[in-house]
């Protein structure tokens, strides 16, 4: 058992009320070109249209809005490869809270620049997310700041789950929702909402073969460490997180892995077919559908596009690799 309360549908409804003054619902668009590619009736939930380009900002606003006066005074600290850190930086700026974000040394410069512009202090440490996270936890214990774990936070999960409410209110006939997984907060939130609204809705998580810690943890029923050699930093966690894993073990229908080549191809296709800037983590759901088209053929499929924070260097490398 985890020491955290597992959020439920009522928590998601409360989160929607908290974040509504600050964040608008995002678009849910159909692209005939994607239908033709996949054979499914595809809808794209554009969380890349959020102010920081990713769904995680919903959780950041929900959590930071509830900090008590002492926590706001002391400030918050967190670790991130970028999108979670942006969410905390954005919410901290909204509510006048100082935020410190620990990041790996080779972090995406687009995300670093965004967080600095939002007023966050950036501390670089280590080679991957978990190096940065471990250092952040150590420093937070010493300086008294409110440490915000990127996965083991019920308010983060309840907040990000609000995008699933929007999907099912607009398209109640949805058959399948495919969600990228790094730490798992998005997939956990989606599962909570989908199974509360209609248990027959299938929720499928997707992660990179080059960073499969969450997948292996879900399969094993316990936390497992693995490598993080993926281009998709939004999916790159070396260890899984207990709270989202508990939800996923109970509610997630399936979890699939895609290759780095499939992620690259899906990223190019998303940019070409939807005319949106998409980072590899934001294209992971499309990669999963393209990897197994017979599974999705003829069904109403929603893919979560969360991460629009691709760097110029990543864009250049993607198209050079395809030529």
Protein backbone atom coordinates (compact mmCIF):
# COMPACT_ATOMS: atom_id res chain seq x y z
CA UNK A 1 0.00 0.00 0.00
CA UNK A 2 1.11 3.54 -0.69
CA UNK A 3 1.09 6.29 1.95
CA UNK A 4 -0.87 8.47 -0.49
CA UNK A 5 -4.61 8.66 -0.94
CA UNK A 6 -5.53 7.37 -4.39
CA UNK A 7 -7.57 10.08 -6.16
CA UNK A 8 -11.07 9.26 -7.32
CA UNK A 9 -13.62 10.72 -9.73
CA UNK A 10 -14.81 13.27 -7.17
CA UNK A 11 -11.23 14.53 -6.81
CA UNK A 12 -11.05 15.03 -10.56
CA UNK A 13 -14.30 17.03 -10.58
CA UNK A 14 -12.95 19.20 -7.75
CA UNK A 15 -9.69 19.70 -9.65
CA UNK A 16 -11.59 20.88 -12.70
CA UNK A 17 -13.27 23.59 -10.63
CA UNK A 18 -9.89 24.72 -9.25
CA UNK A 19 -8.12 24.96 -12.57
CA UNK A 20 -11.01 26.37 -14.65
CA UNK A 21 -10.16 30.04 -13.88
CA UNK A 22 -6.62 29.51 -15.18
CA UNK A 23 -6.69 26.94 -18.00
CA UNK A 24 -9.12 26.54 -20.89
CA UNK A 25 -10.22 23.15 -22.25
CA UNK A 26 -7.99 21.98 -25.10
CA UNK A 27 -9.04 21.07 -28.61
CA UNK A 28 -10.11 17.57 -29.68
CA UNK A 29 -9.62 17.41 -33.45
CA UNK A 30 -10.12 14.78 -36.12
CA UNK A 31 -7.66 14.55 -39.00
CA UNK A 32 -8.79 12.49 -42.03
CA UNK A 33 -5.13 11.92 -42.91
CA UNK A 34 -4.65 10.05 -39.62
CA UNK A 35 -7.81 8.01 -40.23
CA UNK A 36 -6.39 7.01 -43.60
CA UNK A 37 -3.05 6.05 -42.08
CA UNK A 38 -4.50 3.96 -39.25
CA UNK A 39 -7.89 2.68 -40.40
CA UNK A 40 -9.39 4.01 -37.15
CA UNK A 41 -11.63 6.99 -36.45
CA UNK A 42 -8.93 9.08 -34.83
CA UNK A 43 -9.26 12.08 -32.53
CA UNK A 44 -6.26 14.01 -31.22
CA UNK A 45 -6.49 15.61 -27.76
CA UNK A 46 -4.22 18.62 -28.15
CA UNK A 47 -2.58 19.00 -24.76
CA UNK A 48 0.33 20.47 -26.70
CA UNK A 49 -1.88 23.60 -26.87
CA UNK A 50 -1.50 24.17 -23.13
CA UNK A 51 0.50 27.28 -22.10
CA UNK A 52 3.56 25.09 -21.46
CA UNK A 53 2.87 22.62 -24.27
CA UNK A 54 1.89 19.64 -22.08
CA UNK A 55 -0.97 18.26 -19.99
CA UNK A 56 1.03 18.33 -16.77
CA UNK A 57 0.21 22.02 -16.18
CA UNK A 58 -3.27 20.91 -15.11
CA UNK A 59 -1.77 19.01 -12.19
CA UNK A 60 0.61 21.82 -11.30
CA UNK A 61 -2.20 24.36 -11.02
CA UNK A 62 -4.35 21.97 -9.01
CA UNK A 63 -1.56 21.24 -6.52
CA UNK A 64 -0.02 24.70 -6.09
CA UNK A 65 -3.43 26.35 -5.72
CA UNK A 66 -3.95 24.30 -2.54
CA UNK A 67 -0.64 25.04 -0.78
CA UNK A 68 -1.04 26.52 2.69
CA UNK A 69 0.48 29.93 3.52
CA UNK A 70 3.59 28.42 5.11
CA UNK A 71 4.26 26.19 2.08
CA UNK A 72 3.83 29.17 -0.23
CA UNK A 73 6.29 31.19 1.83
CA UNK A 74 8.91 28.42 1.83
CA UNK A 75 8.53 27.72 -1.89
CA UNK A 76 8.46 24.49 -3.85
CA UNK A 77 11.10 22.30 -5.44
CA UNK A 78 10.80 19.51 -7.96
CA UNK A 79 12.78 17.45 -10.47
CA UNK A 80 11.91 17.13 -14.12
CA UNK A 81 13.16 16.52 -17.63
CA UNK A 82 11.01 19.50 -18.58
CA UNK A 83 7.23 19.25 -18.87
CA UNK A 84 6.47 18.58 -15.20
CA UNK A 85 8.94 21.29 -14.24
CA UNK A 86 7.21 23.72 -16.57
CA UNK A 87 3.88 22.88 -14.95
CA UNK A 88 5.18 23.66 -11.46
CA UNK A 89 6.94 26.82 -12.67
CA UNK A 90 3.77 28.04 -14.39
CA UNK A 91 1.58 27.36 -11.37
CA UNK A 92 4.12 28.86 -8.96
CA UNK A 93 4.14 32.07 -10.97
CA UNK A 94 0.33 32.17 -10.91
CA UNK A 95 0.22 31.96 -7.13
CA UNK A 96 3.34 33.94 -6.21
CA UNK A 97 5.42 30.97 -5.07
CA UNK A 98 9.16 30.54 -5.67
CA UNK A 99 9.97 27.35 -7.59
CA UNK A 100 13.27 25.50 -7.96
CA UNK A 101 13.53 22.82 -10.65
CA UNK A 102 16.31 20.22 -10.72
CA UNK A 103 17.08 18.94 -14.21
CA UNK A 104 19.62 16.60 -15.85
CA UNK A 105 22.62 18.37 -17.35
CA UNK A 106 21.59 17.78 -20.96
CA UNK A 107 17.99 18.93 -20.56
CA UNK A 108 15.95 20.15 -23.53
CA UNK A 109 16.93 23.84 -23.94
CA UNK A 110 13.42 24.82 -25.04
CA UNK A 111 12.02 23.58 -21.73
CA UNK A 112 14.84 25.15 -19.73
CA UNK A 113 14.20 28.51 -21.35
CA UNK A 114 10.49 28.29 -20.69
CA UNK A 115 11.00 27.59 -16.98
CA UNK A 116 13.47 30.42 -16.59
CA UNK A 117 11.05 32.80 -18.31
CA UNK A 118 8.39 31.71 -15.82
CA UNK A 119 10.71 32.71 -12.97
CA UNK A 120 11.88 29.29 -11.80
CA UNK A 121 15.40 28.69 -10.51
CA UNK A 122 17.06 25.88 -12.48
CA UNK A 123 19.62 23.53 -10.93
CA UNK A 124 21.37 21.07 -13.25
CA UNK A 125 22.48 17.76 -11.77
CA UNK A 126 23.37 14.37 -13.18
CA UNK A 127 22.83 12.52 -16.43
CA UNK A 128 19.13 11.66 -16.26
CA UNK A 129 15.87 12.46 -14.52
CA UNK A 130 16.48 10.16 -11.59
CA UNK A 131 19.88 11.70 -10.84
CA UNK A 132 18.18 15.10 -10.69
CA UNK A 133 15.30 13.73 -8.63
CA UNK A 134 17.54 12.14 -6.03
CA UNK A 135 19.49 15.39 -5.61
CA UNK A 136 16.27 17.41 -5.37
CA UNK A 137 14.92 15.15 -2.64
CA UNK A 138 18.15 15.53 -0.66
CA UNK A 139 18.24 19.33 -0.94
CA UNK A 140 14.52 19.73 -0.21
CA UNK A 141 14.89 17.77 3.02
CA UNK A 142 17.59 20.24 4.06
CA UNK A 143 16.09 23.58 2.99
CA UNK A 144 12.46 22.94 3.97
CA UNK A 145 10.86 23.63 0.61
CA UNK A 146 7.70 21.73 -0.34
CA UNK A 147 9.03 18.90 -2.50
CA UNK A 148 6.68 18.02 -5.36
CA UNK A 149 7.25 14.50 -6.66
CA UNK A 150 6.36 14.20 -10.34
CA UNK A 151 4.24 11.08 -9.81
CA UNK A 152 3.48 10.37 -6.16
CA UNK A 153 1.14 13.34 -5.74
CA UNK A 154 -2.64 12.72 -5.72
CA UNK A 155 -3.35 16.34 -6.68
CA UNK A 156 -1.17 16.05 -9.79
CA UNK A 157 -3.02 12.94 -10.93
CA UNK A 158 -6.45 14.46 -10.24
CA UNK A 159 -5.46 17.61 -12.09
CA UNK A 160 -4.15 15.98 -15.25
CA UNK A 161 -7.19 13.67 -15.30
CA UNK A 162 -9.35 16.66 -16.21
CA UNK A 163 -8.36 16.30 -19.87
CA UNK A 164 -10.08 12.91 -19.87
CA UNK A 165 -13.27 14.56 -18.59
CA UNK A 166 -13.12 16.92 -21.55
CA UNK A 167 -12.63 14.05 -23.99
CA UNK A 168 -15.61 12.04 -22.76
CA UNK A 169 -17.91 15.04 -22.50
CA UNK A 170 -17.17 15.92 -26.13
CA UNK A 171 -16.96 12.36 -27.46
CA UNK A 172 -18.91 10.00 -25.21
CA UNK A 173 -18.68 7.33 -27.94
CA UNK A 174 -14.92 6.97 -27.43
CA UNK A 175 -13.81 3.32 -27.54
CA UNK A 176 -10.09 3.64 -26.79
CA UNK A 177 -7.79 6.26 -25.28
CA UNK A 178 -4.05 5.85 -25.88
CA UNK A 179 -1.79 7.69 -23.44
CA UNK A 180 2.00 8.19 -23.34
CA UNK A 181 3.62 7.13 -20.06
CA UNK A 182 6.72 8.47 -18.38
CA UNK A 183 5.93 8.53 -14.69
CA UNK A 184 2.32 7.55 -15.34
CA UNK A 185 0.24 10.41 -13.91
CA UNK A 186 -1.58 11.01 -17.19
CA UNK A 187 -2.44 7.37 -17.76
CA UNK A 188 -3.48 6.96 -14.13
CA UNK A 189 -5.78 9.97 -14.33
CA UNK A 190 -7.23 8.85 -17.65
CA UNK A 191 -7.94 5.40 -16.24
CA UNK A 192 -9.72 6.82 -13.19
CA UNK A 193 -12.02 8.94 -15.35
CA UNK A 194 -12.64 6.40 -18.11
CA UNK A 195 -13.50 3.55 -15.76
CA UNK A 196 -15.76 5.82 -13.70
CA UNK A 197 -17.68 7.02 -16.76
CA UNK A 198 -17.91 3.74 -18.71
CA UNK A 199 -15.87 0.70 -17.78
CA UNK A 200 -15.83 -0.60 -21.37
CA UNK A 201 -13.58 2.28 -22.49
CA UNK A 202 -10.15 0.80 -23.13
CA UNK A 203 -7.16 2.75 -21.81
CA UNK A 204 -3.77 1.81 -23.27
CA UNK A 205 -0.44 3.17 -22.08
CA UNK A 206 2.63 3.46 -24.31
CA UNK A 207 6.31 3.83 -23.49
CA UNK A 208 9.58 3.55 -25.39
CA UNK A 209 11.44 0.25 -25.64
CA UNK A 210 14.53 2.28 -24.70
CA UNK A 211 13.02 3.44 -21.38
CA UNK A 212 10.64 0.70 -20.18
CA UNK A 213 10.76 1.03 -16.38
CA UNK A 214 7.07 1.86 -15.97
CA UNK A 215 6.05 -0.92 -18.39
CA UNK A 216 8.18 -3.51 -16.61
CA UNK A 217 6.91 -2.35 -13.21
CA UNK A 218 3.29 -2.70 -14.37
CA UNK A 219 3.96 -6.19 -15.71
CA UNK A 220 5.83 -7.27 -12.57
CA UNK A 221 3.44 -5.73 -10.06
CA UNK A 222 6.35 -4.03 -8.30
CA UNK A 223 8.72 -1.14 -8.97
CA UNK A 224 11.49 -1.99 -11.44
CA UNK A 225 14.49 0.07 -12.58
CA UNK A 226 15.70 0.14 -16.18
CA UNK A 227 17.60 2.24 -18.72
CA UNK A 228 16.54 5.62 -20.12
CA UNK A 229 18.06 5.65 -23.58
CA UNK A 230 15.12 7.22 -25.40
CA UNK A 231 15.01 10.39 -27.51
CA UNK A 232 11.66 11.14 -25.85
CA UNK A 233 12.73 12.81 -22.60
CA UNK A 234 9.07 13.01 -21.54
CA UNK A 235 9.06 9.20 -21.34
CA UNK A 236 12.53 8.83 -19.82
CA UNK A 237 12.24 7.63 -16.23
CA UNK A 238 14.74 5.12 -14.84
CA UNK A 239 12.40 4.10 -12.01
CA UNK A 240 8.62 3.84 -11.82
CA UNK A 241 6.47 5.63 -9.21
CA UNK A 242 4.33 3.81 -6.70
CA UNK A 243 1.15 5.90 -6.67
CA UNK A 244 0.51 5.94 -10.45
CA UNK A 245 1.59 2.31 -10.63
CA UNK A 246 -1.03 1.36 -8.06
CA UNK A 247 -3.73 3.01 -10.15
CA UNK A 248 -2.40 1.49 -13.37
CA UNK A 249 -2.27 -2.02 -11.88
CA UNK A 250 -5.92 -1.71 -10.91
CA UNK A 251 -7.35 0.10 -13.94
CA UNK A 252 -5.09 0.20 -17.02
CA UNK A 253 -6.23 -2.21 -19.75
CA UNK A 254 -2.94 -2.63 -21.56
CA UNK A 255 0.57 -1.25 -21.81
CA UNK A 256 2.67 -1.40 -24.99
CA UNK A 257 6.21 -0.51 -25.99
CA UNK A 258 7.30 1.17 -29.23
CA UNK A 259 10.72 1.43 -30.81
CA UNK A 260 12.76 4.60 -31.15
CA UNK A 261 12.33 4.33 -34.93
CA UNK A 262 8.55 4.20 -34.50
CA UNK A 263 8.65 7.26 -32.22
CA UNK A 264 10.67 9.21 -34.77
CA UNK A 265 8.35 8.27 -37.62
CA UNK A 266 5.24 9.09 -35.57
CA UNK A 267 6.69 12.48 -34.62
CA UNK A 268 7.28 13.35 -38.26
CA UNK A 269 3.78 12.17 -39.18
CA UNK A 270 2.11 14.16 -36.41
CA UNK A 271 3.91 17.32 -37.50
CA UNK A 272 3.07 16.73 -41.17
CA UNK A 273 -0.54 15.58 -40.81
CA UNK A 274 -1.76 17.81 -37.96
CA UNK A 275 0.43 20.90 -38.62
CA UNK A 276 1.44 20.97 -34.95
CA UNK A 277 4.86 21.03 -33.34
CA UNK A 278 5.09 17.76 -31.43
CA UNK A 279 7.93 16.29 -29.39
CA UNK A 280 8.50 12.51 -29.49
CA UNK A 281 6.61 11.91 -26.22
CA UNK A 282 3.63 13.70 -27.76
CA UNK A 283 3.66 11.33 -30.74
CA UNK A 284 4.02 8.10 -28.73
CA UNK A 285 0.29 7.36 -28.79
CA UNK A 286 0.20 7.56 -32.59
CA UNK A 287 3.24 5.26 -32.74
CA UNK A 288 1.33 2.68 -30.69
CA UNK A 289 -1.67 2.78 -33.03
CA UNK A 290 0.52 2.53 -36.15
CA UNK A 291 2.37 -0.44 -34.62
CA UNK A 292 -0.83 -2.52 -34.36
CA UNK A 293 -3.44 -1.09 -36.77
CA UNK A 294 -5.70 -4.16 -36.73
CA UNK A 295 -6.34 -3.62 -33.03
CA UNK A 296 -7.73 -0.14 -33.64
CA UNK A 297 -9.31 -0.46 -37.09
CA UNK A 298 -12.84 0.92 -37.25
CA UNK A 299 -12.85 2.06 -33.60
CA UNK A 300 -13.25 5.52 -32.09
CA UNK A 301 -9.71 6.19 -30.87
CA UNK A 302 -8.42 9.22 -28.97
CA UNK A 303 -4.67 9.76 -28.79
CA UNK A 304 -3.17 12.15 -26.25
CA UNK A 305 -0.79 14.63 -27.86
CA UNK A 306 1.17 15.96 -24.90
CA UNK A 307 4.40 17.54 -25.52
CA UNK A 308 4.88 20.27 -28.05
CA UNK A 309 8.31 21.25 -26.75
CA UNK A 310 10.60 19.93 -29.45
CA UNK A 311 13.95 21.68 -29.81
CA UNK A 312 15.39 22.94 -33.12
CA UNK A 313 18.18 20.36 -32.79
CA UNK A 314 15.64 17.54 -32.36
CA UNK A 315 13.67 18.73 -35.38
CA UNK A 316 16.78 18.85 -37.52
CA UNK A 317 17.85 15.38 -36.44
CA UNK A 318 14.41 13.91 -37.16
CA UNK A 319 14.36 15.12 -40.75
CA UNK A 320 18.00 14.32 -41.41
CA UNK A 321 17.35 10.76 -40.26
CA UNK A 322 14.42 10.43 -42.67
CA UNK A 323 16.32 11.66 -45.74
